[in-house]
């Protein structure tokens, strides 16, 4: 797990949000394949699938991810 991902995971734990997020390990081949399919270019990236098929949101980096979660949780 990259340094930014470790920091993000620690911040999520401190705020009690860790159970709201799934972490995937990029060392796994299927995760690498998924990242290519989803065109993920940076780590960490959080993908949010909106309800009712309204689209998908992508957030890159711990700052963007934490700001989104702070607004939504």
Protein backbone atom coordinates (compact mmCIF):
# COMPACT_ATOMS: atom_id res chain seq x y z
CA UNK A 1 0.00 0.00 0.00
CA UNK A 2 1.40 3.40 -0.97
CA UNK A 3 2.26 6.06 1.62
CA UNK A 4 -0.70 8.28 0.69
CA UNK A 5 -3.03 5.27 0.99
CA UNK A 6 -1.64 4.44 4.44
CA UNK A 7 -2.17 8.06 5.54
CA UNK A 8 -5.71 8.05 4.15
CA UNK A 9 -6.55 4.79 5.93
CA UNK A 10 -5.22 6.21 9.22
CA UNK A 11 -7.28 9.41 8.81
CA UNK A 12 -10.41 7.38 8.08
CA UNK A 13 -9.84 5.27 11.19
CA UNK A 14 -9.34 8.36 13.37
CA UNK A 15 -12.66 9.82 12.19
CA UNK A 16 -14.56 6.54 12.46
CA UNK A 17 -15.20 6.40 8.70
CA UNK A 18 -13.10 3.33 7.91
CA UNK A 19 -16.17 1.08 7.56
CA UNK A 20 -17.61 3.40 4.87
CA UNK A 21 -14.77 2.74 2.41
CA UNK A 22 -13.45 -0.39 0.68
CA UNK A 23 -9.72 -0.60 -0.02
CA UNK A 24 -8.42 -2.65 -2.94
CA UNK A 25 -4.82 -3.81 -3.13
CA UNK A 26 -3.17 -2.82 -6.40
CA UNK A 27 -0.73 -5.70 -5.95
CA UNK A 28 -3.60 -8.04 -6.93
CA UNK A 29 -3.76 -8.67 -10.69
CA UNK A 30 -7.55 -8.32 -10.86
CA UNK A 31 -7.32 -4.90 -9.18
CA UNK A 32 -4.69 -3.81 -11.70
CA UNK A 33 -6.99 -4.92 -14.52
CA UNK A 34 -9.92 -3.07 -12.96
CA UNK A 35 -7.82 0.10 -12.58
CA UNK A 36 -7.00 -0.03 -16.31
CA UNK A 37 -10.64 -0.57 -17.26
CA UNK A 38 -11.73 2.33 -15.02
CA UNK A 39 -8.87 4.53 -16.29
CA UNK A 40 -7.54 5.20 -12.79
CA UNK A 41 -4.34 7.22 -13.11
CA UNK A 42 -3.51 8.19 -9.50
CA UNK A 43 -3.46 6.60 -6.07
CA UNK A 44 -5.37 6.75 -3.90
CA UNK A 45 -8.52 7.12 -5.97
CA UNK A 46 -12.04 6.83 -4.59
CA UNK A 47 -14.83 5.84 -6.97
CA UNK A 48 -18.42 6.67 -6.01
CA UNK A 49 -21.25 5.10 -7.97
CA UNK A 50 -24.24 7.42 -7.77
CA UNK A 51 -27.69 6.00 -7.16
CA UNK A 52 -30.22 5.46 -9.93
CA UNK A 53 -27.53 5.26 -12.61
CA UNK A 54 -26.76 8.99 -12.44
CA UNK A 55 -23.08 8.42 -13.05
CA UNK A 56 -19.77 7.89 -11.32
CA UNK A 57 -17.57 10.31 -9.38
CA UNK A 58 -13.79 9.98 -9.09
CA UNK A 59 -11.72 11.60 -6.34
CA UNK A 60 -7.92 11.50 -6.44
CA UNK A 61 -5.62 11.97 -3.47
CA UNK A 62 -6.26 11.95 0.27
CA UNK A 63 -7.33 15.62 0.33
CA UNK A 64 -10.09 15.28 -2.26
CA UNK A 65 -11.28 12.01 -0.77
CA UNK A 66 -11.46 13.35 2.80
CA UNK A 67 -13.23 16.53 1.66
CA UNK A 68 -15.89 14.53 -0.16
CA UNK A 69 -16.41 12.20 2.79
CA UNK A 70 -16.61 15.14 5.23
CA UNK A 71 -19.49 16.56 3.19
CA UNK A 72 -21.30 13.24 2.80
CA UNK A 73 -20.85 11.47 6.14
